Amino acid sequence: MTFFKRLRPALLAVSGAALFLTACTPKSGAGLYGTNCGICHHGGDGMPGAVPPLVGRIDRIAGTPEGRKYLADVLMNGVSGPIKANGQPYEAEMPPFRYLQDEQVAQILTWLSSRGQTSPAPQITTADIAAARATRKSAGMVALEREELDHKSPLP
């Protein structure tokens, strides 16, 4: 076996890792999610009873203008109180993420949306985030917005 044939598996592994790391740079939606949201929501699966899952839900919520507005409001104002996600109860406080730029928040939500089943995945724009940033709401008001949205069309 030649030197290059023995080296080939290692080269493939390194190039695969490089591709993964390129897709997950600190400024990508995945990278921004990891450093800002992944602390609680982990890989998007949440924590049973405490932190709701996001994967497979954000795309469905973002499928309507009201859903995109709600998601932007959550990131800009936080949300508190009990909610149901995928039929399971959760009781948690989510802080606002106003320290992030509009583009960064849009990237995070769009990346999460792309991880669902909806094709094409709904896009959350910087305009959606800017509109939410312009109107401050309490975390409780965002929870009421969620309830109203859920009554119109049940949220996942």
Protein backbone atom coordinates (compact mmCIF):
# COMPACT_ATOMS: atom_id res chain seq x y z
CA MET A 1 0.00 0.00 0.00
CA THR A 2 1.41 3.36 -0.98
CA PHE A 3 1.76 6.27 1.39
CA PHE A 4 -1.09 8.18 -0.32
CA LYS A 5 -3.49 5.26 -0.11
CA ARG A 6 -2.86 5.01 3.64
CA LEU A 7 -3.26 8.77 4.00
CA ARG A 8 -6.53 8.96 2.03
CA PRO A 9 -8.93 8.15 4.95
CA ALA A 10 -7.31 10.82 7.08
CA LEU A 11 -7.54 13.37 4.27
CA LEU A 12 -11.22 12.57 3.74
CA ALA A 13 -11.91 13.01 7.46
CA VAL A 14 -10.11 16.34 7.57
CA SER A 15 -11.89 17.64 4.47
CA GLY A 16 -15.26 16.51 5.87
CA ALA A 17 -14.56 18.33 9.14
CA ALA A 18 -13.53 21.43 7.21
CA LEU A 19 -16.83 21.41 5.29
CA PHE A 20 -18.80 21.07 8.53
CA LEU A 21 -16.89 23.88 10.21
CA THR A 22 -17.29 26.12 7.18
CA ALA A 23 -21.08 25.66 7.32
CA CYS A 24 -21.07 26.42 11.04
CA THR A 25 -19.05 29.58 11.32
CA PRO A 26 -19.69 31.95 14.25
CA LYS A 27 -21.54 34.30 11.88
CA SER A 28 -23.76 31.63 10.29
CA GLY A 29 -27.27 30.91 11.52
CA ALA A 30 -26.04 27.63 13.00
CA GLY A 31 -23.10 29.31 14.73
CA LEU A 32 -25.23 32.14 16.10
CA TYR A 33 -27.79 29.61 17.32
CA GLY A 34 -25.11 27.58 19.06
CA THR A 35 -23.68 30.50 21.02
CA ASN A 36 -26.98 32.20 21.85
CA CYS A 37 -29.79 29.62 21.88
CA GLY A 38 -28.09 26.25 22.11
CA ILE A 39 -27.27 26.79 25.77
CA CYS A 40 -30.89 26.09 26.68
CA HIS A 41 -32.43 24.61 23.53
CA HIS A 42 -29.41 22.37 22.88
CA GLY A 43 -29.38 21.04 19.31
CA GLY A 44 -32.97 22.17 18.89
CA ASP A 45 -34.55 19.34 20.87
CA GLY A 46 -35.00 21.37 24.08
CA MET A 47 -35.22 19.82 27.55
CA PRO A 48 -38.35 17.85 28.53
CA GLY A 49 -40.63 19.88 30.79
CA ALA A 50 -38.35 22.91 30.89
CA VAL A 51 -37.31 24.14 27.43
CA PRO A 52 -39.44 23.41 24.34
CA PRO A 53 -37.98 21.88 21.20
CA LEU A 54 -37.53 24.14 18.19
CA VAL A 55 -36.68 21.77 15.35
CA GLY A 56 -39.76 20.79 13.37
CA ARG A 57 -41.81 23.59 14.92
CA ILE A 58 -40.26 26.90 13.86
CA ASP A 59 -40.89 26.25 10.16
CA ARG A 60 -44.55 25.51 10.84
CA ILE A 61 -45.01 28.59 13.02
CA ALA A 62 -43.18 30.77 10.47
CA GLY A 63 -45.55 29.64 7.71
CA THR A 64 -47.85 32.65 8.30
CA PRO A 65 -47.14 36.38 8.70
CA GLU A 66 -48.62 36.22 12.23
CA GLY A 67 -46.34 33.32 13.07
CA ARG A 68 -43.25 35.17 11.83
CA LYS A 69 -44.30 38.22 13.85
CA TYR A 70 -44.70 36.06 16.96
CA LEU A 71 -41.27 34.46 16.49
CA ALA A 72 -39.65 37.87 16.04
CA ASP A 73 -41.47 39.12 19.15
CA VAL A 74 -40.18 36.15 21.16
CA LEU A 75 -36.57 36.88 20.21
CA MET A 76 -36.86 40.63 20.78
CA ASN A 77 -38.95 40.58 23.98
CA GLY A 78 -38.65 37.12 25.51
CA VAL A 79 -41.60 35.01 26.62
CA SER A 80 -42.72 33.66 29.96
CA GLY A 81 -45.32 31.36 31.39
CA PRO A 82 -46.60 27.91 30.58
CA ILE A 83 -46.82 26.80 26.97
CA LYS A 84 -47.49 23.57 25.11
CA ALA A 85 -45.18 22.43 22.36
CA ASN A 86 -45.83 19.23 20.46
CA GLY A 87 -48.58 18.55 23.01
CA GLN A 88 -46.18 18.65 25.97
CA PRO A 89 -46.31 21.28 28.75
CA TYR A 90 -43.34 23.59 29.37
CA GLU A 91 -42.75 26.21 32.03
CA ALA A 92 -39.78 28.41 31.30
CA GLU A 93 -38.60 31.97 30.96
CA MET A 94 -36.92 32.97 27.74
CA PRO A 95 -34.95 36.21 27.89
CA PRO A 96 -34.98 38.80 25.12
CA PHE A 97 -32.12 38.78 22.63
CA ARG A 98 -32.11 42.49 21.78
CA TYR A 99 -28.32 42.59 21.97
CA LEU A 100 -28.19 40.71 18.66
CA GLN A 101 -28.45 42.60 15.38
CA ASP A 102 -31.60 42.22 13.27
CA GLU A 103 -29.67 40.29 10.62
CA GLN A 104 -28.31 37.86 13.24
CA VAL A 105 -31.77 37.14 14.67
CA ALA A 106 -33.17 36.65 11.16
CA GLN A 107 -30.32 34.23 10.40
CA ILE A 108 -31.01 32.19 13.55
CA LEU A 109 -34.75 31.92 12.90
CA THR A 110 -34.29 31.18 9.20
CA TRP A 111 -31.73 28.48 10.01
CA LEU A 112 -34.13 26.91 12.52
CA SER A 113 -36.92 27.10 9.96
CA SER A 114 -34.73 25.29 7.43
CA ARG A 115 -34.34 22.36 9.83
CA GLY A 116 -38.04 21.51 9.66
CA GLN A 117 -40.11 19.61 7.12
CA THR A 118 -41.61 22.61 5.28
CA SER A 119 -40.29 23.01 1.76
CA PRO A 120 -39.37 25.60 0.89
CA ALA A 121 -38.62 26.67 4.44
CA PRO A 122 -40.16 30.01 5.46
CA GLN A 123 -37.68 32.88 5.62
CA ILE A 124 -37.62 35.35 8.49
CA THR A 125 -36.38 38.74 7.29
CA THR A 126 -34.51 41.57 8.94
CA ALA A 127 -37.66 43.65 8.37
CA ASP A 128 -39.63 41.14 10.50
CA ILE A 129 -37.07 41.55 13.29
CA ALA A 130 -36.84 45.34 12.95
CA ALA A 131 -40.63 45.64 13.30
CA ALA A 132 -40.55 43.55 16.48
CA ARG A 133 -37.63 45.57 17.87
CA ALA A 134 -39.57 48.81 17.28
CA THR A 135 -42.39 47.75 19.62
CA ARG A 136 -41.39 46.68 23.11
CA LYS A 137 -43.61 44.13 24.82
CA SER A 138 -43.39 42.38 28.13
CA ALA A 139 -42.63 38.65 28.09
CA GLY A 140 -46.18 38.15 29.39
CA MET A 141 -47.62 40.11 26.46
CA VAL A 142 -45.73 37.82 24.08
CA ALA A 143 -47.24 34.83 25.90
CA LEU A 144 -50.72 36.32 25.32
CA GLU A 145 -49.84 36.82 21.65
CA ARG A 146 -48.95 33.13 21.54
CA GLU A 147 -52.31 32.17 23.09
CA GLU A 148 -54.22 34.27 20.54
CA LEU A 149 -52.23 32.79 17.67
CA ASP A 150 -52.80 29.28 19.05
CA HIS A 151 -56.58 29.87 19.16
CA LYS A 152 -56.61 30.97 15.50
CA SER A 153 -54.52 28.03 14.34
CA PRO A 154 -53.08 25.52 16.83
CA LEU A 155 -49.34 25.91 17.19
CA PRO A 156 -47.09 22.88 17.11
